Amino acid sequence: MPESRPPATFISDLRPSRVATIEGTVTDLEPVREVTTREGTTKKVRNGRLRDGTGEIVLVLWGSEVALAEAGDRVRIVEGWVSDARGRAQISLGRSGRLEKLPPAPH
């Protein structure tokens, strides 16, 4: 079976309230922190930045996702959810998305 390629979507193309598949490099990650949800429970969250050749977007990892990537990793976000946070686009895995690590970029 041939390897499937993700759609050619770039960070500069992302718009809030859409599902997207993109590839990029995690440029930095903040420390894991805990936040209180609307339901009153606590959940781990970690913010970082994801960059490709067209731009940069905030990456938000929730719960067990916080351990999926480190700064410098090349990743593919498959069916990630793009949302608007105070006027800036950000991407998370949402309900159905996943994060795949990719091999390092050739030099």
PDB file of N, CA and C in Angstrom:
ATOM      1  N   MET A   1       0.852  -1.186   0.000  1.00  0.00           N
ATOM      2  CA  MET A   1       0.000   0.000   0.000  1.00  0.00           C
ATOM      3  C   MET A   1       0.891   1.241   0.000  1.00  0.00           C
ATOM      4  N   PRO A   2       0.678   2.186  -0.901  1.00  0.00           N
ATOM      5  CA  PRO A   2       1.536   3.371  -0.949  1.00  0.00           C
ATOM      6  C   PRO A   2       1.323   4.250   0.284  1.00  0.00           C
ATOM      7  N   GLU A   3       2.400   4.934   0.672  1.00  0.00           N
ATOM      8  CA  GLU A   3       2.321   5.830   1.824  1.00  0.00           C
ATOM      9  C   GLU A   3       1.456   7.027   1.443  1.00  0.00           C
ATOM     10  N   SER A   4       0.538   7.388   2.328  1.00  0.00           N
ATOM     11  CA  SER A   4      -0.325   8.531   2.031  1.00  0.00           C
ATOM     12  C   SER A   4       0.395   9.817   2.405  1.00  0.00           C
ATOM     13  N   ARG A   5       0.185  10.830   1.614  1.00  0.00           N
ATOM     14  CA  ARG A   5       0.781  12.140   1.881  1.00  0.00           C
ATOM     15  C   ARG A   5      -0.308  13.060   2.392  1.00  0.00           C
ATOM     16  N   PRO A   6       0.017  13.901   3.368  1.00  0.00           N
ATOM     17  CA  PRO A   6      -0.997  14.829   3.864  1.00  0.00           C
ATOM     18  C   PRO A   6      -1.272  15.919   2.836  1.00  0.00           C
ATOM     19  N   PRO A   7      -2.401  16.574   2.947  1.00  0.00           N
ATOM     20  CA  PRO A   7      -2.674  17.685   2.039  1.00  0.00           C
ATOM     21  C   PRO A   7      -1.595  18.750   2.206  1.00  0.00           C
ATOM     22  N   ALA A   8      -1.296  19.453   1.148  1.00  0.00           N
ATOM     23  CA  ALA A   8      -0.262  20.489   1.203  1.00  0.00           C
ATOM     24  C   ALA A   8      -0.840  21.755   1.827  1.00  0.00           C
ATOM     25  N   THR A   9      -0.987  21.738   3.127  1.00  0.00           N
ATOM     26  CA  THR A   9      -1.481  22.901   3.861  1.00  0.00           C
ATOM     27  C   THR A   9      -0.318  23.480   4.645  1.00  0.00           C
ATOM     28  N   PHE A  10      -0.203  24.788   4.623  1.00  0.00           N
ATOM     29  CA  PHE A  10       0.887  25.463   5.300  1.00  0.00           C
ATOM     30  C   PHE A  10       0.329  26.334   6.430  1.00  0.00           C
ATOM     31  N   ILE A  11       1.188  26.658   7.380  1.00  0.00           N
ATOM     32  CA  ILE A  11       0.743  27.459   8.522  1.00  0.00           C
ATOM     33  C   ILE A  11       0.118  28.773   8.061  1.00  0.00           C
ATOM     34  N   SER A  12       0.666  29.389   7.022  1.00  0.00           N
ATOM     35  CA  SER A  12       0.114  30.658   6.541  1.00  0.00           C
ATOM     36  C   SER A  12      -1.313  30.507   6.003  1.00  0.00           C
ATOM     37  N   ASP A  13      -1.733  29.263   5.676  1.00  0.00           N
ATOM     38  CA  ASP A  13      -3.078  29.010   5.145  1.00  0.00           C
ATOM     39  C   ASP A  13      -4.120  28.789   6.239  1.00  0.00           C
ATOM     40  N   LEU A  14      -3.683  28.586   7.486  1.00  0.00           N
ATOM     41  CA  LEU A  14      -4.609  28.174   8.543  1.00  0.00           C
ATOM     42  C   LEU A  14      -5.577  29.279   8.924  1.00  0.00           C
ATOM     43  N   ARG A  15      -6.825  28.874   9.156  1.00  0.00           N
ATOM     44  CA  ARG A  15      -7.877  29.791   9.584  1.00  0.00           C
ATOM     45  C   ARG A  15      -8.627  29.140  10.746  1.00  0.00           C
ATOM     46  N   PRO A  16      -9.059  29.939  11.729  1.00  0.00           N
ATOM     47  CA  PRO A  16      -9.780  29.372  12.877  1.00  0.00           C
ATOM     48  C   PRO A  16     -11.059  28.643  12.475  1.00  0.00           C
ATOM     49  N   SER A  17     -11.458  27.717  13.341  1.00  0.00           N
ATOM     50  CA  SER A  17     -12.675  26.912  13.189  1.00  0.00           C
ATOM     51  C   SER A  17     -12.591  25.952  12.011  1.00  0.00           C
ATOM     52  N   ARG A  18     -11.388  25.462  11.742  1.00  0.00           N
ATOM     53  CA  ARG A  18     -11.196  24.488  10.675  1.00  0.00           C
ATOM     54  C   ARG A  18     -10.288  23.373  11.165  1.00  0.00           C
ATOM     55  N   VAL A  19     -10.429  22.211  10.537  1.00  0.00           N
ATOM     56  CA  VAL A  19      -9.541  21.080  10.771  1.00  0.00           C
ATOM     57  C   VAL A  19      -8.437  21.164   9.724  1.00  0.00           C
ATOM     58  N   ALA A  20      -7.187  20.880  10.124  1.00  0.00           N
ATOM     59  CA  ALA A  20      -6.075  20.973   9.180  1.00  0.00           C
ATOM     60  C   ALA A  20      -5.023  19.911   9.472  1.00  0.00           C
ATOM     61  N   THR A  21      -4.317  19.500   8.420  1.00  0.00           N
ATOM     62  CA  THR A  21      -3.164  18.620   8.532  1.00  0.00           C
ATOM     63  C   THR A  21      -1.962  19.413   8.058  1.00  0.00           C
ATOM     64  N   ILE A  22      -0.976  19.584   8.952  1.00  0.00           N
ATOM     65  CA  ILE A  22       0.210  20.382   8.626  1.00  0.00           C
ATOM     66  C   ILE A  22       1.464  19.681   9.143  1.00  0.00           C
ATOM     67  N   GLU A  23       2.599  20.091   8.608  1.00  0.00           N
ATOM     68  CA  GLU A  23       3.893  19.624   9.084  1.00  0.00           C
ATOM     69  C   GLU A  23       4.713  20.833   9.483  1.00  0.00           C
ATOM     70  N   GLY A  24       5.536  20.666  10.519  1.00  0.00           N
ATOM     71  CA  GLY A  24       6.393  21.760  10.945  1.00  0.00           C
ATOM     72  C   GLY A  24       7.367  21.290  12.003  1.00  0.00           C
ATOM     73  N   THR A  25       8.155  22.242  12.477  1.00  0.00           N
ATOM     74  CA  THR A  25       9.136  21.979  13.521  1.00  0.00           C
ATOM     75  C   THR A  25       8.698  22.680  14.797  1.00  0.00           C
ATOM     76  N   VAL A  26       8.741  21.942  15.910  1.00  0.00           N
ATOM     77  CA  VAL A  26       8.429  22.524  17.218  1.00  0.00           C
ATOM     78  C   VAL A  26       9.627  23.394  17.591  1.00  0.00           C
ATOM     79  N   THR A  27       9.436  24.713  17.654  1.00  0.00           N
ATOM     80  CA  THR A  27      10.570  25.603  17.905  1.00  0.00           C
ATOM     81  C   THR A  27      10.816  25.821  19.388  1.00  0.00           C
ATOM     82  N   ASP A  28       9.798  25.751  20.202  1.00  0.00           N
ATOM     83  CA  ASP A  28      10.001  25.828  21.648  1.00  0.00           C
ATOM     84  C   ASP A  28       8.752  25.326  22.347  1.00  0.00           C
ATOM     85  N   LEU A  29       8.929  24.896  23.570  1.00  0.00           N
ATOM     86  CA  LEU A  29       7.815  24.425  24.389  1.00  0.00           C
ATOM     87  C   LEU A  29       7.943  25.022  25.774  1.00  0.00           C
ATOM     88  N   GLU A  30       6.830  25.518  26.290  1.00  0.00           N
ATOM     89  CA  GLU A  30       6.806  26.031  27.654  1.00  0.00           C
ATOM     90  C   GLU A  30       6.723  24.848  28.621  1.00  0.00           C
ATOM     91  N   PRO A  31       7.034  25.070  29.889  1.00  0.00           N
ATOM     92  CA  PRO A  31       6.863  23.989  30.871  1.00  0.00           C
ATOM     93  C   PRO A  31       5.385  23.573  30.967  1.00  0.00           C
ATOM     94  N   VAL A  32       5.163  22.323  31.343  1.00  0.00           N
ATOM     95  CA  VAL A  32       3.800  21.821  31.557  1.00  0.00           C
ATOM     96  C   VAL A  32       3.210  22.572  32.749  1.00  0.00           C
ATOM     97  N   ARG A  33       1.948  22.963  32.624  1.00  0.00           N
ATOM     98  CA  ARG A  33       1.255  23.582  33.759  1.00  0.00           C
ATOM     99  C   ARG A  33      -0.109  22.936  33.903  1.00  0.00           C
ATOM    100  N   GLU A  34      -0.738  23.163  35.032  1.00  0.00           N
ATOM    101  CA  GLU A  34      -2.074  22.621  35.254  1.00  0.00           C
ATOM    102  C   GLU A  34      -3.071  23.767  35.270  1.00  0.00           C
ATOM    103  N   VAL A  35      -4.203  23.534  34.611  1.00  0.00           N
ATOM    104  CA  VAL A  35      -5.271  24.527  34.578  1.00  0.00           C
ATOM    105  C   VAL A  35      -6.543  23.883  35.105  1.00  0.00           C
ATOM    106  N   THR A  36      -7.423  24.715  35.625  1.00  0.00           N
ATOM    107  CA  THR A  36      -8.715  24.225  36.097  1.00  0.00           C
ATOM    108  C   THR A  36      -9.717  24.340  34.968  1.00  0.00           C
ATOM    109  N   THR A  37     -10.404  23.238  34.663  1.00  0.00           N
ATOM    110  CA  THR A  37     -11.386  23.227  33.578  1.00  0.00           C
ATOM    111  C   THR A  37     -12.706  23.833  34.055  1.00  0.00           C
ATOM    112  N   ARG A  38     -13.614  24.044  33.121  1.00  0.00           N
ATOM    113  CA  ARG A  38     -14.942  24.568  33.474  1.00  0.00           C
ATOM    114  C   ARG A  38     -15.670  23.643  34.435  1.00  0.00           C
ATOM    115  N   GLU A  39     -15.357  22.334  34.352  1.00  0.00           N
ATOM    116  CA  GLU A  39     -16.007  21.347  35.217  1.00  0.00           C
ATOM    117  C   GLU A  39     -15.390  21.318  36.610  1.00  0.00           C
ATOM    118  N   GLY A  40     -14.310  22.085  36.828  1.00  0.00           N
ATOM    119  CA  GLY A  40     -13.682  22.134  38.142  1.00  0.00           C
ATOM    120  C   GLY A  40     -12.561  21.128  38.336  1.00  0.00           C
ATOM    121  N   THR A  41     -12.230  20.351  37.308  1.00  0.00           N
ATOM    122  CA  THR A  41     -11.117  19.405  37.404  1.00  0.00           C
ATOM    123  C   THR A  41      -9.844  20.092  36.911  1.00  0.00           C
ATOM    124  N   THR A  42      -8.688  19.481  37.166  1.00  0.00           N
ATOM    125  CA  THR A  42      -7.452  20.049  36.646  1.00  0.00           C
ATOM    126  C   THR A  42      -6.960  19.188  35.488  1.00  0.00           C
ATOM    127  N   LYS A  43      -6.303  19.841  34.555  1.00  0.00           N
ATOM    128  CA  LYS A  43      -5.790  19.161  33.371  1.00  0.00           C
ATOM    129  C   LYS A  43      -4.435  19.764  33.018  1.00  0.00           C
ATOM    130  N   LYS A  44      -3.508  18.913  32.562  1.00  0.00           N
ATOM    131  CA  LYS A  44      -2.202  19.406  32.132  1.00  0.00           C
ATOM    132  C   LYS A  44      -2.335  20.072  30.766  1.00  0.00           C
ATOM    133  N   VAL A  45      -1.539  21.129  30.568  1.00  0.00           N
ATOM    134  CA  VAL A  45      -1.502  21.816  29.277  1.00  0.00           C
ATOM    135  C   VAL A  45      -0.073  22.300  29.047  1.00  0.00           C
ATOM    136  N   ARG A  46       0.329  22.325  27.782  1.00  0.00           N
ATOM    137  CA  ARG A  46       1.665  22.793  27.418  1.00  0.00           C
ATOM    138  C   ARG A  46       1.562  23.539  26.098  1.00  0.00           C
ATOM    139  N   ASN A  47       2.027  24.770  26.091  1.00  0.00           N
ATOM    140  CA  ASN A  47       2.022  25.580  24.872  1.00  0.00           C
ATOM    141  C   ASN A  47       3.409  25.575  24.247  1.00  0.00           C
ATOM    142  N   GLY A  48       3.441  25.689  22.955  1.00  0.00           N
ATOM    143  CA  GLY A  48       4.698  25.786  22.224  1.00  0.00           C
ATOM    144  C   GLY A  48       4.464  26.520  20.925  1.00  0.00           C
ATOM    145  N   ARG A  49       5.457  26.454  20.061  1.00  0.00           N
ATOM    146  CA  ARG A  49       5.340  27.090  18.753  1.00  0.00           C
ATOM    147  C   ARG A  49       5.716  26.073  17.694  1.00  0.00           C
ATOM    148  N   LEU A  50       4.967  26.115  16.602  1.00  0.00           N
ATOM    149  CA  LEU A  50       5.200  25.226  15.468  1.00  0.00           C
ATOM    150  C   LEU A  50       5.480  26.112  14.261  1.00  0.00           C
ATOM    151  N   ARG A  51       6.570  25.800  13.536  1.00  0.00           N
ATOM    152  CA  ARG A  51       6.984  26.652  12.422  1.00  0.00           C
ATOM    153  C   ARG A  51       7.178  25.816  11.162  1.00  0.00           C
ATOM    154  N   ASP A  52       6.765  26.395  10.029  1.00  0.00           N
ATOM    155  CA  ASP A  52       7.123  25.835   8.730  1.00  0.00           C
ATOM    156  C   ASP A  52       7.707  26.975   7.902  1.00  0.00           C
ATOM    157  N   GLY A  53       7.929  26.750   6.628  1.00  0.00           N
ATOM    158  CA  GLY A  53       8.540  27.778   5.789  1.00  0.00           C
ATOM    159  C   GLY A  53       7.673  28.997   5.550  1.00  0.00           C
ATOM    160  N   THR A  54       6.393  28.938   5.961  1.00  0.00           N
ATOM    161  CA  THR A  54       5.471  30.048   5.678  1.00  0.00           C
ATOM    162  C   THR A  54       5.093  30.847   6.909  1.00  0.00           C
ATOM    163  N   GLY A  55       5.399  30.342   8.105  1.00  0.00           N
ATOM    164  CA  GLY A  55       5.007  31.069   9.302  1.00  0.00           C
ATOM    165  C   GLY A  55       5.096  30.221  10.553  1.00  0.00           C
ATOM    166  N   GLU A  56       4.426  30.716  11.592  1.00  0.00           N
ATOM    167  CA  GLU A  56       4.492  30.100  12.904  1.00  0.00           C
ATOM    168  C   GLU A  56       3.109  30.154  13.541  1.00  0.00           C
ATOM    169  N   ILE A  57       2.783  29.141  14.353  1.00  0.00           N
ATOM    170  CA  ILE A  57       1.491  29.100  15.034  1.00  0.00           C
ATOM    171  C   ILE A  57       1.706  28.537  16.438  1.00  0.00           C
ATOM    172  N   VAL A  58       0.859  28.956  17.370  1.00  0.00           N
ATOM    173  CA  VAL A  58       0.902  28.399  18.721  1.00  0.00           C
ATOM    174  C   VAL A  58       0.375  26.967  18.663  1.00  0.00           C
ATOM    175  N   LEU A  59       1.094  26.057  19.313  1.00  0.00           N
ATOM    176  CA  LEU A  59       0.702  24.658  19.426  1.00  0.00           C
ATOM    177  C   LEU A  59       0.294  24.423  20.868  1.00  0.00           C
ATOM    178  N   VAL A  60      -0.896  23.852  21.086  1.00  0.00           N
ATOM    179  CA  VAL A  60      -1.382  23.587  22.432  1.00  0.00           C
ATOM    180  C   VAL A  60      -1.584  22.084  22.602  1.00  0.00           C
ATOM    181  N   LEU A  61      -0.908  21.513  23.595  1.00  0.00           N
ATOM    182  CA  LEU A  61      -1.016  20.086  23.893  1.00  0.00           C
ATOM    183  C   LEU A  61      -1.711  19.919  25.235  1.00  0.00           C
ATOM    184  N   TRP A  62      -2.696  19.009  25.286  1.00  0.00           N
ATOM    185  CA  TRP A  62      -3.509  18.803  26.480  1.00  0.00           C
ATOM    186  C   TRP A  62      -3.327  17.399  27.042  1.00  0.00           C
ATOM    187  N   GLY A  63      -3.432  17.265  28.364  1.00  0.00           N
ATOM    188  CA  GLY A  63      -3.434  15.951  29.018  1.00  0.00           C
ATOM    189  C   GLY A  63      -2.200  15.142  28.683  1.00  0.00           C
ATOM    190  N   SER A  64      -2.411  13.896  28.249  1.00  0.00           N
ATOM    191  CA  SER A  64      -1.287  13.006  27.940  1.00  0.00           C
ATOM    192  C   SER A  64      -0.503  13.479  26.714  1.00  0.00           C
ATOM    193  N   GLU A  65      -1.054  14.405  25.931  1.00  0.00           N
ATOM    194  CA  GLU A  65      -0.369  14.923  24.744  1.00  0.00           C
ATOM    195  C   GLU A  65       0.888  15.717  25.099  1.00  0.00           C
ATOM    196  N   VAL A  66       0.984  16.225  26.350  1.00  0.00           N
ATOM    197  CA  VAL A  66       2.097  17.109  26.716  1.00  0.00           C
ATOM    198  C   VAL A  66       3.453  16.441  26.525  1.00  0.00           C
ATOM    199  N   ALA A  67       3.504  15.108  26.528  1.00  0.00           N
ATOM    200  CA  ALA A  67       4.773  14.382  26.391  1.00  0.00           C
ATOM    201  C   ALA A  67       5.063  13.934  24.956  1.00  0.00           C
ATOM    202  N   LEU A  68       4.214  14.293  23.999  1.00  0.00           N
ATOM    203  CA  LEU A  68       4.361  13.792  22.630  1.00  0.00           C
ATOM    204  C   LEU A  68       5.482  14.442  21.824  1.00  0.00           C
ATOM    205  N   ALA A  69       5.895  15.651  22.186  1.00  0.00           N
ATOM    206  CA  ALA A  69       6.885  16.363  21.370  1.00  0.00           C
ATOM    207  C   ALA A  69       7.842  17.151  22.253  1.00  0.00           C
ATOM    208  N   GLU A  70       9.019  17.377  21.715  1.00  0.00           N
ATOM    209  CA  GLU A  70      10.031  18.206  22.357  1.00  0.00           C
ATOM    210  C   GLU A  70      10.484  19.268  21.364  1.00  0.00           C
ATOM    211  N   ALA A  71      11.088  20.327  21.872  1.00  0.00           N
ATOM    212  CA  ALA A  71      11.612  21.376  20.994  1.00  0.00           C
ATOM    213  C   ALA A  71      12.606  20.761  20.014  1.00  0.00           C
ATOM    214  N   GLY A  72      12.493  21.133  18.755  1.00  0.00           N
ATOM    215  CA  GLY A  72      13.366  20.618  17.708  1.00  0.00           C
ATOM    216  C   GLY A  72      12.760  19.467  16.921  1.00  0.00           C
ATOM    217  N   ASP A  73      11.692  18.857  17.433  1.00  0.00           N
ATOM    218  CA  ASP A  73      11.053  17.749  16.720  1.00  0.00           C
ATOM    219  C   ASP A  73      10.346  18.247  15.466  1.00  0.00           C
ATOM    220  N   ARG A  74      10.462  17.473  14.382  1.00  0.00           N
ATOM    221  CA  ARG A  74       9.626  17.683  13.196  1.00  0.00           C
ATOM    222  C   ARG A  74       8.388  16.834  13.392  1.00  0.00           C
ATOM    223  N   VAL A  75       7.222  17.437  13.219  1.00  0.00           N
ATOM    224  CA  VAL A  75       5.980  16.719  13.474  1.00  0.00           C
ATOM    225  C   VAL A  75       4.965  16.977  12.365  1.00  0.00           C
ATOM    226  N   ARG A  76       4.021  16.061  12.276  1.00  0.00           N
ATOM    227  CA  ARG A  76       2.850  16.227  11.422  1.00  0.00           C
ATOM    228  C   ARG A  76       1.654  16.218  12.364  1.00  0.00           C
ATOM    229  N   ILE A  77       0.829  17.246  12.280  1.00  0.00           N
ATOM    230  CA  ILE A  77      -0.441  17.294  13.001  1.00  0.00           C
ATOM    231  C   ILE A  77      -1.492  16.855  11.994  1.00  0.00           C
ATOM    232  N   VAL A  78      -2.155  15.736  12.269  1.00  0.00           N
ATOM    233  CA  VAL A  78      -3.163  15.192  11.365  1.00  0.00           C
ATOM    234  C   VAL A  78      -4.541  15.524  11.938  1.00  0.00           C
ATOM    235  N   GLU A  79      -5.331  16.230  11.149  1.00  0.00           N
ATOM    236  CA  GLU A  79      -6.679  16.640  11.538  1.00  0.00           C
ATOM    237  C   GLU A  79      -6.681  17.397  12.853  1.00  0.00           C
ATOM    238  N   GLY A  80      -5.738  18.344  12.972  1.00  0.00           N
ATOM    239  CA  GLY A  80      -5.704  19.224  14.145  1.00  0.00           C
ATOM    240  C   GLY A  80      -6.798  20.271  14.056  1.00  0.00           C
ATOM    241  N   TRP A  81      -7.163  20.815  15.198  1.00  0.00           N
ATOM    242  CA  TRP A  81      -8.219  21.829  15.268  1.00  0.00           C
ATOM    243  C   TRP A  81      -7.583  23.199  15.401  1.00  0.00           C
ATOM    244  N   VAL A  82      -7.892  24.099  14.470  1.00  0.00           N
ATOM    245  CA  VAL A  82      -7.391  25.470  14.504  1.00  0.00           C
ATOM    246  C   VAL A  82      -8.445  26.334  15.182  1.00  0.00           C
ATOM    247  N   SER A  83      -8.024  27.050  16.217  1.00  0.00           N
ATOM    248  CA  SER A  83      -8.958  27.922  16.934  1.00  0.00           C
ATOM    249  C   SER A  83      -8.365  29.317  17.049  1.00  0.00           C
ATOM    250  N   ASP A  84      -9.175  30.236  17.540  1.00  0.00           N
ATOM    251  CA  ASP A  84      -8.770  31.622  17.711  1.00  0.00           C
ATOM    252  C   ASP A  84      -8.614  31.872  19.206  1.00  0.00           C
ATOM    253  N   ALA A  85      -7.431  32.292  19.611  1.00  0.00           N
ATOM    254  CA  ALA A  85      -7.184  32.631  21.015  1.00  0.00           C
ATOM    255  C   ALA A  85      -6.785  34.103  21.076  1.00  0.00           C
ATOM    256  N   ARG A  86      -7.721  34.925  21.468  1.00  0.00           N
ATOM    257  CA  ARG A  86      -7.474  36.364  21.578  1.00  0.00           C
ATOM    258  C   ARG A  86      -6.924  36.958  20.278  1.00  0.00           C
ATOM    259  N   GLY A  87      -7.535  36.566  19.159  1.00  0.00           N
ATOM    260  CA  GLY A  87      -7.167  37.143  17.868  1.00  0.00           C
ATOM    261  C   GLY A  87      -6.004  36.473  17.170  1.00  0.00           C
ATOM    262  N   ARG A  88      -5.443  35.416  17.776  1.00  0.00           N
ATOM    263  CA  ARG A  88      -4.319  34.707  17.150  1.00  0.00           C
ATOM    264  C   ARG A  88      -4.693  33.250  16.952  1.00  0.00           C
ATOM    265  N   ALA A  89      -4.345  32.715  15.787  1.00  0.00           N
ATOM    266  CA  ALA A  89      -4.650  31.311  15.504  1.00  0.00           C
ATOM    267  C   ALA A  89      -3.754  30.405  16.344  1.00  0.00           C
ATOM    268  N   GLN A  90      -4.311  29.296  16.778  1.00  0.00           N
ATOM    269  CA  GLN A  90      -3.530  28.258  17.460  1.00  0.00           C
ATOM    270  C   GLN A  90      -4.064  26.915  17.003  1.00  0.00           C
ATOM    271  N   ILE A  91      -3.231  25.871  17.133  1.00  0.00           N
ATOM    272  CA  ILE A  91      -3.647  24.545  16.723  1.00  0.00           C
ATOM    273  C   ILE A  91      -3.472  23.580  17.885  1.00  0.00           C
ATOM    274  N   SER A  92      -4.463  22.696  18.037  1.00  0.00           N
ATOM    275  CA  SER A  92      -4.402  21.623  19.029  1.00  0.00           C
ATOM    276  C   SER A  92      -4.868  20.343  18.337  1.00  0.00           C
ATOM    277  N   LEU A  93      -4.767  19.234  19.050  1.00  0.00           N
ATOM    278  CA  LEU A  93      -5.190  17.971  18.441  1.00  0.00           C
ATOM    279  C   LEU A  93      -6.703  17.823  18.454  1.00  0.00           C
ATOM    280  N   GLY A  94      -7.390  18.631  19.252  1.00  0.00           N
ATOM    281  CA  GLY A  94      -8.844  18.574  19.275  1.00  0.00           C
ATOM    282  C   GLY A  94      -9.357  17.193  19.647  1.00  0.00           C
ATOM    283  N   ARG A  95     -10.540  16.850  19.171  1.00  0.00           N
ATOM    284  CA  ARG A  95     -11.148  15.554  19.515  1.00  0.00           C
ATOM    285  C   ARG A  95     -10.586  14.391  18.706  1.00  0.00           C
ATOM    286  N   SER A  96     -10.244  14.628  17.442  1.00  0.00           N
ATOM    287  CA  SER A  96      -9.885  13.506  16.571  1.00  0.00           C
ATOM    288  C   SER A  96      -8.494  13.595  15.977  1.00  0.00           C
ATOM    289  N   GLY A  97      -7.733  14.638  16.299  1.00  0.00           N
ATOM    290  CA  GLY A  97      -6.420  14.807  15.695  1.00  0.00           C
ATOM    291  C   GLY A  97      -5.366  13.924  16.332  1.00  0.00           C
ATOM    292  N   ARG A  98      -4.218  13.858  15.656  1.00  0.00           N
ATOM    293  CA  ARG A  98      -3.090  13.121  16.219  1.00  0.00           C
ATOM    294  C   ARG A  98      -1.796  13.801  15.806  1.00  0.00           C
ATOM    295  N   LEU A  99      -0.745  13.521  16.571  1.00  0.00           N
ATOM    296  CA  LEU A  99       0.571  14.072  16.305  1.00  0.00           C
ATOM    297  C   LEU A  99       1.507  12.924  15.939  1.00  0.00           C
ATOM    298  N   GLU A 100       2.194  13.064  14.810  1.00  0.00           N
ATOM    299  CA  GLU A 100       3.152  12.054  14.367  1.00  0.00           C
ATOM    300  C   GLU A 100       4.530  12.702  14.306  1.00  0.00           C
ATOM    301  N   LYS A 101       5.533  12.034  14.882  1.00  0.00           N
ATOM    302  CA  LYS A 101       6.905  12.533  14.767  1.00  0.00           C
ATOM    303  C   LYS A 101       7.438  12.143  13.396  1.00  0.00           C
ATOM    304  N   LEU A 102       8.202  13.044  12.787  1.00  0.00           N
ATOM    305  CA  LEU A 102       8.796  12.830  11.479  1.00  0.00           C
ATOM    306  C   LEU A 102      10.310  12.741  11.613  1.00  0.00           C
ATOM    307  N   PRO A 103      10.986  12.122  10.645  1.00  0.00           N
ATOM    308  CA  PRO A 103      12.445  12.100  10.697  1.00  0.00           C
ATOM    309  C   PRO A 103      12.997  13.525  10.583  1.00  0.00           C
ATOM    310  N   PRO A 104      14.196  13.772  11.113  1.00  0.00           N
ATOM    311  CA  PRO A 104      14.784  15.112  10.984  1.00  0.00           C
ATOM    312  C   PRO A 104      14.908  15.517   9.515  1.00  0.00           C
ATOM    313  N   ALA A 105      14.834  16.802   9.273  1.00  0.00           N
ATOM    314  CA  ALA A 105      14.952  17.311   7.909  1.00  0.00           C
ATOM    315  C   ALA A 105      16.355  17.055   7.388  1.00  0.00           C
ATOM    316  N   PRO A 106      16.491  16.665   6.113  1.00  0.00           N
ATOM    317  CA  PRO A 106      17.829  16.482   5.553  1.00  0.00           C
ATOM    318  C   PRO A 106      18.534  17.823   5.454  1.00  0.00           C
ATOM    319  N   HIS A 107      19.834  17.830   5.642  1.00  0.00           N
ATOM    320  CA  HIS A 107      20.602  19.089   5.596  1.00  0.00           C
ATOM    321  C   HIS A 107      21.161  19.337   4.224  1.00  0.00           C
TER     322      HIS A 107
END
